[in-house]
Amino acid sequence: LMWKRCSEGQTWDLVKDVCVNIAKTFS
């Protein structure tokens, strides 16, 4: 399986190797 490293609402910062922004919640 291939996973997204970040939760939805976040974006991957390639330079810093981190997820930025806050994850969103969904029904």
mmCIF file of all heavy atoms, coordinates in Angstrom:
data_MODEL
# 
_entry.id   MODEL 
# 
loop_
_atom_site.group_PDB 
_atom_site.id 
_atom_site.type_symbol 
_atom_site.label_atom_id 
_atom_site.label_alt_id 
_atom_site.label_comp_id 
_atom_site.label_asym_id 
_atom_site.label_entity_id 
_atom_site.label_seq_id 
_atom_site.pdbx_PDB_ins_code 
_atom_site.Cartn_x 
_atom_site.Cartn_y 
_atom_site.Cartn_z 
_atom_site.occupancy 
_atom_site.B_iso_or_equiv 
_atom_site.pdbx_formal_charge 
_atom_site.auth_seq_id 
_atom_site.auth_comp_id 
_atom_site.auth_asym_id 
_atom_site.auth_atom_id 
_atom_site.pdbx_PDB_model_num 
ATOM 1   N N   . LEU A 1 1  ? 0.830   -1.199 0.000  1.00 0.00 ? 1  LEU A N   1 
ATOM 2   C CA  . LEU A 1 1  ? 0.000   0.000  0.000  1.00 0.00 ? 1  LEU A CA  1 
ATOM 3   C C   . LEU A 1 1  ? 0.870   1.256  0.000  1.00 0.00 ? 1  LEU A C   1 
ATOM 4   O O   . LEU A 1 1  ? 1.891   1.316  0.687  1.00 0.00 ? 1  LEU A O   1 
ATOM 5   C CB  . LEU A 1 1  ? -0.904  0.021  1.237  1.00 0.00 ? 1  LEU A CB  1 
ATOM 6   C CG  . LEU A 1 1  ? -1.876  -1.152 1.362  1.00 0.00 ? 1  LEU A CG  1 
ATOM 7   C CD1 . LEU A 1 1  ? -2.563  -1.129 2.722  1.00 0.00 ? 1  LEU A CD1 1 
ATOM 8   C CD2 . LEU A 1 1  ? -2.897  -1.122 0.230  1.00 0.00 ? 1  LEU A CD2 1 
ATOM 9   N N   . MET A 1 2  ? 0.450   2.254  -0.761 1.00 0.00 ? 2  MET A N   1 
ATOM 10  C CA  . MET A 1 2  ? 1.113   3.556  -0.755 1.00 0.00 ? 2  MET A CA  1 
ATOM 11  C C   . MET A 1 2  ? 0.221   4.536  0.004  1.00 0.00 ? 2  MET A C   1 
ATOM 12  O O   . MET A 1 2  ? -0.948  4.721  -0.346 1.00 0.00 ? 2  MET A O   1 
ATOM 13  C CB  . MET A 1 2  ? 1.349   4.079  -2.169 1.00 0.00 ? 2  MET A CB  1 
ATOM 14  C CG  . MET A 1 2  ? 1.986   5.471  -2.171 1.00 0.00 ? 2  MET A CG  1 
ATOM 15  S SD  . MET A 1 2  ? 2.184   6.147  -3.839 1.00 0.00 ? 2  MET A SD  1 
ATOM 16  C CE  . MET A 1 2  ? 3.636   5.237  -4.345 1.00 0.00 ? 2  MET A CE  1 
ATOM 17  N N   . TRP A 1 3  ? 0.783   5.155  1.035  1.00 0.00 ? 3  TRP A N   1 
ATOM 18  C CA  . TRP A 1 3  ? 0.053   6.088  1.894  1.00 0.00 ? 3  TRP A CA  1 
ATOM 19  C C   . TRP A 1 3  ? 0.496   7.511  1.622  1.00 0.00 ? 3  TRP A C   1 
ATOM 20  O O   . TRP A 1 3  ? 1.670   7.759  1.343  1.00 0.00 ? 3  TRP A O   1 
ATOM 21  C CB  . TRP A 1 3  ? 0.348   5.779  3.367  1.00 0.00 ? 3  TRP A CB  1 
ATOM 22  C CG  . TRP A 1 3  ? -0.170  4.467  3.826  1.00 0.00 ? 3  TRP A CG  1 
ATOM 23  C CD1 . TRP A 1 3  ? 0.466   3.258  3.765  1.00 0.00 ? 3  TRP A CD1 1 
ATOM 24  C CD2 . TRP A 1 3  ? -1.430  4.212  4.420  1.00 0.00 ? 3  TRP A CD2 1 
ATOM 25  N NE1 . TRP A 1 3  ? -0.319  2.268  4.290  1.00 0.00 ? 3  TRP A NE1 1 
ATOM 26  C CE2 . TRP A 1 3  ? -1.494  2.828  4.707  1.00 0.00 ? 3  TRP A CE2 1 
ATOM 27  C CE3 . TRP A 1 3  ? -2.522  5.026  4.758  1.00 0.00 ? 3  TRP A CE3 1 
ATOM 28  C CZ2 . TRP A 1 3  ? -2.604  2.246  5.298  1.00 0.00 ? 3  TRP A CZ2 1 
ATOM 29  C CZ3 . TRP A 1 3  ? -3.622  4.435  5.343  1.00 0.00 ? 3  TRP A CZ3 1 
ATOM 30  C CH2 . TRP A 1 3  ? -3.661  3.063  5.618  1.00 0.00 ? 3  TRP A CH2 1 
ATOM 31  N N   . LYS A 1 4  ? -0.427  8.446  1.775  1.00 0.00 ? 4  LYS A N   1 
ATOM 32  C CA  . LYS A 1 4  ? -0.033  9.853  1.824  1.00 0.00 ? 4  LYS A CA  1 
ATOM 33  C C   . LYS A 1 4  ? 0.592   10.080 3.195  1.00 0.00 ? 4  LYS A C   1 
ATOM 34  O O   . LYS A 1 4  ? 0.058   9.620  4.211  1.00 0.00 ? 4  LYS A O   1 
ATOM 35  C CB  . LYS A 1 4  ? -1.241  10.766 1.624  1.00 0.00 ? 4  LYS A CB  1 
ATOM 36  C CG  . LYS A 1 4  ? -1.732  10.766 0.189  1.00 0.00 ? 4  LYS A CG  1 
ATOM 37  C CD  . LYS A 1 4  ? -2.946  11.644 0.015  1.00 0.00 ? 4  LYS A CD  1 
ATOM 38  C CE  . LYS A 1 4  ? -2.570  13.074 -0.261 1.00 0.00 ? 4  LYS A CE  1 
ATOM 39  N NZ  . LYS A 1 4  ? -3.748  13.885 -0.634 1.00 0.00 ? 4  LYS A NZ  1 
ATOM 40  N N   . ARG A 1 5  ? 1.738   10.755 3.234  1.00 0.00 ? 5  ARG A N   1 
ATOM 41  C CA  . ARG A 1 5  ? 2.393   11.004 4.512  1.00 0.00 ? 5  ARG A CA  1 
ATOM 42  C C   . ARG A 1 5  ? 1.613   12.008 5.353  1.00 0.00 ? 5  ARG A C   1 
ATOM 43  O O   . ARG A 1 5  ? 1.678   11.981 6.579  1.00 0.00 ? 5  ARG A O   1 
ATOM 44  C CB  . ARG A 1 5  ? 3.826   11.495 4.290  1.00 0.00 ? 5  ARG A CB  1 
ATOM 45  C CG  . ARG A 1 5  ? 4.693   10.418 3.633  1.00 0.00 ? 5  ARG A CG  1 
ATOM 46  C CD  . ARG A 1 5  ? 6.118   10.839 3.516  1.00 0.00 ? 5  ARG A CD  1 
ATOM 47  N NE  . ARG A 1 5  ? 6.733   10.799 4.835  1.00 0.00 ? 5  ARG A NE  1 
ATOM 48  C CZ  . ARG A 1 5  ? 7.985   11.195 5.068  1.00 0.00 ? 5  ARG A CZ  1 
ATOM 49  N NH1 . ARG A 1 5  ? 8.737   11.650 4.091  1.00 0.00 ? 5  ARG A NH1 1 
ATOM 50  N NH2 . ARG A 1 5  ? 8.478   11.125 6.290  1.00 0.00 ? 5  ARG A NH2 1 
ATOM 51  N N   . CYS A 1 6  ? 0.892   12.901 4.697  1.00 0.00 ? 6  CYS A N   1 
ATOM 52  C CA  . CYS A 1 6  ? 0.142   13.952 5.395  1.00 0.00 ? 6  CYS A CA  1 
ATOM 53  C C   . CYS A 1 6  ? -1.342  13.611 5.445  1.00 0.00 ? 6  CYS A C   1 
ATOM 54  O O   . CYS A 1 6  ? -1.876  12.958 4.553  1.00 0.00 ? 6  CYS A O   1 
ATOM 55  C CB  . CYS A 1 6  ? 0.311   15.277 4.668  1.00 0.00 ? 6  CYS A CB  1 
ATOM 56  S SG  . CYS A 1 6  ? 2.020   15.837 4.545  1.00 0.00 ? 6  CYS A SG  1 
ATOM 57  N N   . SER A 1 7  ? -1.982  14.090 6.482  1.00 0.00 ? 7  SER A N   1 
ATOM 58  C CA  . SER A 1 7  ? -3.436  13.992 6.597  1.00 0.00 ? 7  SER A CA  1 
ATOM 59  C C   . SER A 1 7  ? -4.062  14.989 5.624  1.00 0.00 ? 7  SER A C   1 
ATOM 60  O O   . SER A 1 7  ? -3.423  15.973 5.221  1.00 0.00 ? 7  SER A O   1 
ATOM 61  C CB  . SER A 1 7  ? -3.869  14.338 8.024  1.00 0.00 ? 7  SER A CB  1 
ATOM 62  O OG  . SER A 1 7  ? -3.235  13.486 8.953  1.00 0.00 ? 7  SER A OG  1 
ATOM 63  N N   . GLU A 1 8  ? -5.309  14.736 5.253  1.00 0.00 ? 8  GLU A N   1 
ATOM 64  C CA  . GLU A 1 8  ? -5.992  15.669 4.361  1.00 0.00 ? 8  GLU A CA  1 
ATOM 65  C C   . GLU A 1 8  ? -6.126  17.039 5.039  1.00 0.00 ? 8  GLU A C   1 
ATOM 66  O O   . GLU A 1 8  ? -6.412  17.123 6.222  1.00 0.00 ? 8  GLU A O   1 
ATOM 67  C CB  . GLU A 1 8  ? -7.363  15.129 3.945  1.00 0.00 ? 8  GLU A CB  1 
ATOM 68  C CG  . GLU A 1 8  ? -7.257  13.941 3.016  1.00 0.00 ? 8  GLU A CG  1 
ATOM 69  C CD  . GLU A 1 8  ? -6.433  14.261 1.775  1.00 0.00 ? 8  GLU A CD  1 
ATOM 70  O OE1 . GLU A 1 8  ? -6.835  15.134 0.992  1.00 0.00 ? 8  GLU A OE1 1 
ATOM 71  O OE2 . GLU A 1 8  ? -5.373  13.623 1.584  1.00 0.00 ? 8  GLU A OE2 1 
ATOM 72  N N   . GLY A 1 9  ? -5.898  18.077 4.260  1.00 0.00 ? 9  GLY A N   1 
ATOM 73  C CA  . GLY A 1 9  ? -5.860  19.443 4.785  1.00 0.00 ? 9  GLY A CA  1 
ATOM 74  C C   . GLY A 1 9  ? -4.436  19.931 4.970  1.00 0.00 ? 9  GLY A C   1 
ATOM 75  O O   . GLY A 1 9  ? -4.181  21.125 5.028  1.00 0.00 ? 9  GLY A O   1 
ATOM 76  N N   . GLN A 1 10 ? -3.493  18.989 5.073  1.00 0.00 ? 10 GLN A N   1 
ATOM 77  C CA  . GLN A 1 10 ? -2.078  19.320 5.175  1.00 0.00 ? 10 GLN A CA  1 
ATOM 78  C C   . GLN A 1 10 ? -1.432  19.179 3.798  1.00 0.00 ? 10 GLN A C   1 
ATOM 79  O O   . GLN A 1 10 ? -1.967  18.504 2.920  1.00 0.00 ? 10 GLN A O   1 
ATOM 80  C CB  . GLN A 1 10 ? -1.360  18.381 6.148  1.00 0.00 ? 10 GLN A CB  1 
ATOM 81  C CG  . GLN A 1 10 ? -1.863  18.459 7.567  1.00 0.00 ? 10 GLN A CG  1 
ATOM 82  C CD  . GLN A 1 10 ? -1.180  17.439 8.459  1.00 0.00 ? 10 GLN A CD  1 
ATOM 83  O OE1 . GLN A 1 10 ? -1.052  16.276 8.088  1.00 0.00 ? 10 GLN A OE1 1 
ATOM 84  N NE2 . GLN A 1 10 ? -0.757  17.874 9.618  1.00 0.00 ? 10 GLN A NE2 1 
ATOM 85  N N   . THR A 1 11 ? -0.285  19.804 3.619  1.00 0.00 ? 11 THR A N   1 
ATOM 86  C CA  . THR A 1 11 ? 0.486   19.652 2.391  1.00 0.00 ? 11 THR A CA  1 
ATOM 87  C C   . THR A 1 11 ? 1.909   19.255 2.745  1.00 0.00 ? 11 THR A C   1 
ATOM 88  O O   . THR A 1 11 ? 2.422   19.599 3.819  1.00 0.00 ? 11 THR A O   1 
ATOM 89  C CB  . THR A 1 11 ? 0.496   20.943 1.550  1.00 0.00 ? 11 THR A CB  1 
ATOM 90  O OG1 . THR A 1 11 ? 0.937   22.025 2.366  1.00 0.00 ? 11 THR A OG1 1 
ATOM 91  C CG2 . THR A 1 11 ? -0.879  21.259 1.002  1.00 0.00 ? 11 THR A CG2 1 
ATOM 92  N N   . TRP A 1 12 ? 2.531   18.516 1.834  1.00 0.00 ? 12 TRP A N   1 
ATOM 93  C CA  . TRP A 1 12 ? 3.887   18.027 2.041  1.00 0.00 ? 12 TRP A CA  1 
ATOM 94  C C   . TRP A 1 12 ? 4.879   19.117 1.666  1.00 0.00 ? 12 TRP A C   1 
ATOM 95  O O   . TRP A 1 12 ? 4.848   19.649 0.572  1.00 0.00 ? 12 TRP A O   1 
ATOM 96  C CB  . TRP A 1 12 ? 4.126   16.765 1.208  1.00 0.00 ? 12 TRP A CB  1 
ATOM 97  C CG  . TRP A 1 12 ? 5.495   16.215 1.370  1.00 0.00 ? 12 TRP A CG  1 
ATOM 98  C CD1 . TRP A 1 12 ? 6.477   16.158 0.424  1.00 0.00 ? 12 TRP A CD1 1 
ATOM 99  C CD2 . TRP A 1 12 ? 6.066   15.660 2.559  1.00 0.00 ? 12 TRP A CD2 1 
ATOM 100 N NE1 . TRP A 1 12 ? 7.615   15.601 0.946  1.00 0.00 ? 12 TRP A NE1 1 
ATOM 101 C CE2 . TRP A 1 12 ? 7.382   15.282 2.259  1.00 0.00 ? 12 TRP A CE2 1 
ATOM 102 C CE3 . TRP A 1 12 ? 5.578   15.447 3.843  1.00 0.00 ? 12 TRP A CE3 1 
ATOM 103 C CZ2 . TRP A 1 12 ? 8.217   14.701 3.199  1.00 0.00 ? 12 TRP A CZ2 1 
ATOM 104 C CZ3 . TRP A 1 12 ? 6.416   14.872 4.774  1.00 0.00 ? 12 TRP A CZ3 1 
ATOM 105 C CH2 . TRP A 1 12 ? 7.715   14.507 4.456  1.00 0.00 ? 12 TRP A CH2 1 
ATOM 106 N N   . ASP A 1 13 ? 5.775   19.464 2.606  1.00 0.00 ? 13 ASP A N   1 
ATOM 107 C CA  . ASP A 1 13 ? 6.852   20.428 2.360  1.00 0.00 ? 13 ASP A CA  1 
ATOM 108 C C   . ASP A 1 13 ? 8.119   19.637 2.079  1.00 0.00 ? 13 ASP A C   1 
ATOM 109 O O   . ASP A 1 13 ? 8.750   19.109 2.997  1.00 0.00 ? 13 ASP A O   1 
ATOM 110 C CB  . ASP A 1 13 ? 7.024   21.347 3.564  1.00 0.00 ? 13 ASP A CB  1 
ATOM 111 C CG  . ASP A 1 13 ? 8.048   22.449 3.335  1.00 0.00 ? 13 ASP A CG  1 
ATOM 112 O OD1 . ASP A 1 13 ? 9.063   22.190 2.641  1.00 0.00 ? 13 ASP A OD1 1 
ATOM 113 O OD2 . ASP A 1 13 ? 7.851   23.554 3.855  1.00 0.00 ? 13 ASP A OD2 1 
ATOM 114 N N   . LEU A 1 14 ? 8.482   19.538 0.811  1.00 0.00 ? 14 LEU A N   1 
ATOM 115 C CA  . LEU A 1 14 ? 9.619   18.747 0.368  1.00 0.00 ? 14 LEU A CA  1 
ATOM 116 C C   . LEU A 1 14 ? 10.934  19.241 0.968  1.00 0.00 ? 14 LEU A C   1 
ATOM 117 O O   . LEU A 1 14 ? 11.799  18.444 1.323  1.00 0.00 ? 14 LEU A O   1 
ATOM 118 C CB  . LEU A 1 14 ? 9.697   18.785 -1.165 1.00 0.00 ? 14 LEU A CB  1 
ATOM 119 C CG  . LEU A 1 14 ? 10.845  18.051 -1.825 1.00 0.00 ? 14 LEU A CG  1 
ATOM 120 C CD1 . LEU A 1 14 ? 10.801  16.571 -1.496 1.00 0.00 ? 14 LEU A CD1 1 
ATOM 121 C CD2 . LEU A 1 14 ? 10.795  18.258 -3.331 1.00 0.00 ? 14 LEU A CD2 1 
ATOM 122 N N   . VAL A 1 15 ? 11.063  20.559 1.111  1.00 0.00 ? 15 VAL A N   1 
ATOM 123 C CA  . VAL A 1 15 ? 12.304  21.138 1.614  1.00 0.00 ? 15 VAL A CA  1 
ATOM 124 C C   . VAL A 1 15 ? 12.515  20.800 3.088  1.00 0.00 ? 15 VAL A C   1 
ATOM 125 O O   . VAL A 1 15 ? 13.592  20.368 3.500  1.00 0.00 ? 15 VAL A O   1 
ATOM 126 C CB  . VAL A 1 15 ? 12.327  22.672 1.390  1.00 0.00 ? 15 VAL A CB  1 
ATOM 127 C CG1 . VAL A 1 15 ? 13.570  23.293 2.014  1.00 0.00 ? 15 VAL A CG1 1 
ATOM 128 C CG2 . VAL A 1 15 ? 12.256  22.978 -0.108 1.00 0.00 ? 15 VAL A CG2 1 
ATOM 129 N N   . LYS A 1 16 ? 11.458  20.967 3.874  1.00 0.00 ? 16 LYS A N   1 
ATOM 130 C CA  . LYS A 1 16 ? 11.562  20.736 5.321  1.00 0.00 ? 16 LYS A CA  1 
ATOM 131 C C   . LYS A 1 16 ? 11.252  19.299 5.722  1.00 0.00 ? 16 LYS A C   1 
ATOM 132 O O   . LYS A 1 16 ? 11.429  18.926 6.871  1.00 0.00 ? 16 LYS A O   1 
ATOM 133 C CB  . LYS A 1 16 ? 10.638  21.692 6.070  1.00 0.00 ? 16 LYS A CB  1 
ATOM 134 C CG  . LYS A 1 16 ? 11.036  23.148 5.899  1.00 0.00 ? 16 LYS A CG  1 
ATOM 135 C CD  . LYS A 1 16 ? 10.098  24.059 6.658  1.00 0.00 ? 16 LYS A CD  1 
ATOM 136 C CE  . LYS A 1 16 ? 10.487  25.510 6.461  1.00 0.00 ? 16 LYS A CE  1 
ATOM 137 N NZ  . LYS A 1 16 ? 9.464   26.422 6.987  1.00 0.00 ? 16 LYS A NZ  1 
ATOM 138 N N   . ASP A 1 17 ? 10.752  18.483 4.774  1.00 0.00 ? 17 ASP A N   1 
ATOM 139 C CA  . ASP A 1 17 ? 10.426  17.085 5.027  1.00 0.00 ? 17 ASP A CA  1 
ATOM 140 C C   . ASP A 1 17 ? 9.376   16.949 6.135  1.00 0.00 ? 17 ASP A C   1 
ATOM 141 O O   . ASP A 1 17 ? 9.506   16.110 7.032  1.00 0.00 ? 17 ASP A O   1 
ATOM 142 C CB  . ASP A 1 17 ? 11.714  16.308 5.388  1.00 0.00 ? 17 ASP A CB  1 
ATOM 143 C CG  . ASP A 1 17 ? 11.623  14.834 5.048  1.00 0.00 ? 17 ASP A CG  1 
ATOM 144 O OD1 . ASP A 1 17 ? 10.997  14.495 4.022  1.00 0.00 ? 17 ASP A OD1 1 
ATOM 145 O OD2 . ASP A 1 17 ? 12.162  14.025 5.809  1.00 0.00 ? 17 ASP A OD2 1 
ATOM 146 N N   . VAL A 1 18 ? 8.351   17.802 6.066  1.00 0.00 ? 18 VAL A N   1 
ATOM 147 C CA  . VAL A 1 18 ? 7.273   17.789 7.059  1.00 0.00 ? 18 VAL A CA  1 
ATOM 148 C C   . VAL A 1 18 ? 5.931   18.092 6.386  1.00 0.00 ? 18 VAL A C   1 
ATOM 149 O O   . VAL A 1 18 ? 5.888   18.579 5.267  1.00 0.00 ? 18 VAL A O   1 
ATOM 150 C CB  . VAL A 1 18 ? 7.492   18.842 8.183  1.00 0.00 ? 18 VAL A CB  1 
ATOM 151 C CG1 . VAL A 1 18 ? 8.732   18.543 8.992  1.00 0.00 ? 18 VAL A CG1 1 
ATOM 152 C CG2 . VAL A 1 18 ? 7.536   20.250 7.616  1.00 0.00 ? 18 VAL A CG2 1 
ATOM 153 N N   . CYS A 1 19 ? 4.873   17.800 7.117  1.00 0.00 ? 19 CYS A N   1 
ATOM 154 C CA  . CYS A 1 19 ? 3.530   18.202 6.705  1.00 0.00 ? 19 CYS A CA  1 
ATOM 155 C C   . CYS A 1 19 ? 3.240   19.568 7.310  1.00 0.00 ? 19 CYS A C   1 
ATOM 156 O O   . CYS A 1 19 ? 3.510   19.787 8.489  1.00 0.00 ? 19 CYS A O   1 
ATOM 157 C CB  . CYS A 1 19 ? 2.492   17.197 7.198  1.00 0.00 ? 19 CYS A CB  1 
ATOM 158 S SG  . CYS A 1 19 ? 2.731   15.537 6.534  1.00 0.00 ? 19 CYS A SG  1 
ATOM 159 N N   . VAL A 1 20 ? 2.715   20.461 6.509  1.00 0.00 ? 20 VAL A N   1 
ATOM 160 C CA  . VAL A 1 20 ? 2.377   21.797 6.994  1.00 0.00 ? 20 VAL A CA  1 
ATOM 161 C C   . VAL A 1 20 ? 0.870   21.989 6.941  1.00 0.00 ? 20 VAL A C   1 
ATOM 162 O O   . VAL A 1 20 ? 0.164   21.264 6.241  1.00 0.00 ? 20 VAL A O   1 
ATOM 163 C CB  . VAL A 1 20 ? 3.117   22.903 6.189  1.00 0.00 ? 20 VAL A CB  1 
ATOM 164 C CG1 . VAL A 1 20 ? 4.616   22.804 6.414  1.00 0.00 ? 20 VAL A CG1 1 
ATOM 165 C CG2 . VAL A 1 20 ? 2.800   22.824 4.706  1.00 0.00 ? 20 VAL A CG2 1 
ATOM 166 N N   . ASN A 1 21 ? 0.400   22.951 7.680  1.00 0.00 ? 21 ASN A N   1 
ATOM 167 C CA  . ASN A 1 21 ? -1.018  23.272 7.849  1.00 0.00 ? 21 ASN A CA  1 
ATOM 168 C C   . ASN A 1 21 ? -1.660  22.287 8.833  1.00 0.00 ? 21 ASN A C   1 
ATOM 169 O O   . ASN A 1 21 ? -1.028  21.357 9.301  1.00 0.00 ? 21 ASN A O   1 
ATOM 170 C CB  . ASN A 1 21 ? -1.781  23.301 6.521  1.00 0.00 ? 21 ASN A CB  1 
ATOM 171 C CG  . ASN A 1 21 ? -1.177  24.296 5.544  1.00 0.00 ? 21 ASN A CG  1 
ATOM 172 O OD1 . ASN A 1 21 ? -0.782  25.379 5.943  1.00 0.00 ? 21 ASN A OD1 1 
ATOM 173 N ND2 . ASN A 1 21 ? -1.104  23.920 4.286  1.00 0.00 ? 21 ASN A ND2 1 
ATOM 174 N N   . ILE A 1 22 ? -2.931  22.515 9.113  1.00 0.00 ? 22 ILE A N   1 
ATOM 175 C CA  . ILE A 1 22 ? -3.670  21.736 10.097 1.00 0.00 ? 22 ILE A CA  1 
ATOM 176 C C   . ILE A 1 22 ? -4.564  20.737 9.357  1.00 0.00 ? 22 ILE A C   1 
ATOM 177 O O   . ILE A 1 22 ? -5.208  21.091 8.372  1.00 0.00 ? 22 ILE A O   1 
ATOM 178 C CB  . ILE A 1 22 ? -4.561  22.660 10.966 1.00 0.00 ? 22 ILE A CB  1 
ATOM 179 C CG1 . ILE A 1 22 ? -3.734  23.766 11.602 1.00 0.00 ? 22 ILE A CG1 1 
ATOM 180 C CG2 . ILE A 1 22 ? -5.327  21.848 12.012 1.00 0.00 ? 22 ILE A CG2 1 
ATOM 181 C CD1 . ILE A 1 22 ? -2.914  23.358 12.778 1.00 0.00 ? 22 ILE A CD1 1 
ATOM 182 N N   . ALA A 1 23 ? -4.595  19.505 9.840  1.00 0.00 ? 23 ALA A N   1 
ATOM 183 C CA  . ALA A 1 23 ? -5.482  18.502 9.256  1.00 0.00 ? 23 ALA A CA  1 
ATOM 184 C C   . ALA A 1 23 ? -6.933  18.941 9.422  1.00 0.00 ? 23 ALA A C   1 
ATOM 185 O O   . ALA A 1 23 ? -7.303  19.507 10.446 1.00 0.00 ? 23 ALA A O   1 
ATOM 186 C CB  . ALA A 1 23 ? -5.257  17.150 9.924  1.00 0.00 ? 23 ALA A CB  1 
ATOM 187 N N   . LYS A 1 24 ? -7.728  18.674 8.393  1.00 0.00 ? 24 LYS A N   1 
ATOM 188 C CA  . LYS A 1 24 ? -9.156  18.981 8.444  1.00 0.00 ? 24 LYS A CA  1 
ATOM 189 C C   . LYS A 1 24 ? -9.910  17.757 8.942  1.00 0.00 ? 24 LYS A C   1 
ATOM 190 O O   . LYS A 1 24 ? -9.473  16.627 8.743  1.00 0.00 ? 24 LYS A O   1 
ATOM 191 C CB  . LYS A 1 24 ? -9.669  19.340 7.049  1.00 0.00 ? 24 LYS A CB  1 
ATOM 192 C CG  . LYS A 1 24 ? -9.093  20.628 6.508  1.00 0.00 ? 24 LYS A CG  1 
ATOM 193 C CD  . LYS A 1 24 ? -9.646  20.917 5.125  1.00 0.00 ? 24 LYS A CD  1 
ATOM 194 C CE  . LYS A 1 24 ? -9.050  22.208 4.588  1.00 0.00 ? 24 LYS A CE  1 
ATOM 195 N NZ  . LYS A 1 24 ? -9.380  22.427 3.175  1.00 0.00 ? 24 LYS A NZ  1 
ATOM 196 N N   . THR A 1 25 ? -11.061 17.990 9.551  1.00 0.00 ? 25 THR A N   1 
ATOM 197 C CA  . THR A 1 25 ? -11.932 16.880 9.936  1.00 0.00 ? 25 THR A CA  1 
ATOM 198 C C   . THR A 1 25 ? -13.098 16.819 8.960  1.00 0.00 ? 25 THR A C   1 
ATOM 199 O O   . THR A 1 25 ? -13.506 17.835 8.394  1.00 0.00 ? 25 THR A O   1 
ATOM 200 C CB  . THR A 1 25 ? -12.447 17.018 11.377 1.00 0.00 ? 25 THR A CB  1 
ATOM 201 O OG1 . THR A 1 25 ? -13.186 18.228 11.490 1.00 0.00 ? 25 THR A OG1 1 
ATOM 202 C CG2 . THR A 1 25 ? -11.294 17.017 12.374 1.00 0.00 ? 25 THR A CG2 1 
ATOM 203 N N   . PHE A 1 26 ? -13.591 15.618 8.765  1.00 0.00 ? 26 PHE A N   1 
ATOM 204 C CA  . PHE A 1 26 ? -14.650 15.353 7.799  1.00 0.00 ? 26 PHE A CA  1 
ATOM 205 C C   . PHE A 1 26 ? -15.675 14.425 8.430  1.00 0.00 ? 26 PHE A C   1 
ATOM 206 O O   . PHE A 1 26 ? -15.311 13.560 9.220  1.00 0.00 ? 26 PHE A O   1 
ATOM 207 C CB  . PHE A 1 26 ? -14.081 14.627 6.565  1.00 0.00 ? 26 PHE A CB  1 
ATOM 208 C CG  . PHE A 1 26 ? -13.033 15.405 5.813  1.00 0.00 ? 26 PHE A CG  1 
ATOM 209 C CD1 . PHE A 1 26 ? -11.700 15.350 6.212  1.00 0.00 ? 26 PHE A CD1 1 
ATOM 210 C CD2 . PHE A 1 26 ? -13.369 16.170 4.717  1.00 0.00 ? 26 PHE A CD2 1 
ATOM 211 C CE1 . PHE A 1 26 ? -10.730 16.064 5.517  1.00 0.00 ? 26 PHE A CE1 1 
ATOM 212 C CE2 . PHE A 1 26 ? -12.398 16.883 4.019  1.00 0.00 ? 26 PHE A CE2 1 
ATOM 213 C CZ  . PHE A 1 26 ? -11.076 16.825 4.419  1.00 0.00 ? 26 PHE A CZ  1 
ATOM 214 N N   . SER A 1 27 ? -16.939 14.559 8.018  1.00 0.00 ? 27 SER A N   1 
ATOM 215 C CA  . SER A 1 27 ? -17.912 13.512 8.315  1.00 0.00 ? 27 SER A CA  1 
ATOM 216 C C   . SER A 1 27 ? -17.511 12.294 7.491  1.00 0.00 ? 27 SER A C   1 
ATOM 217 O O   . SER A 1 27 ? -16.683 12.394 6.571  1.00 0.00 ? 27 SER A O   1 
ATOM 218 C CB  . SER A 1 27 ? -19.326 13.964 7.927  1.00 0.00 ? 27 SER A CB  1 
ATOM 219 O OG  . SER A 1 27 ? -19.438 14.048 6.503  1.00 0.00 ? 27 SER A OG  1 
# 
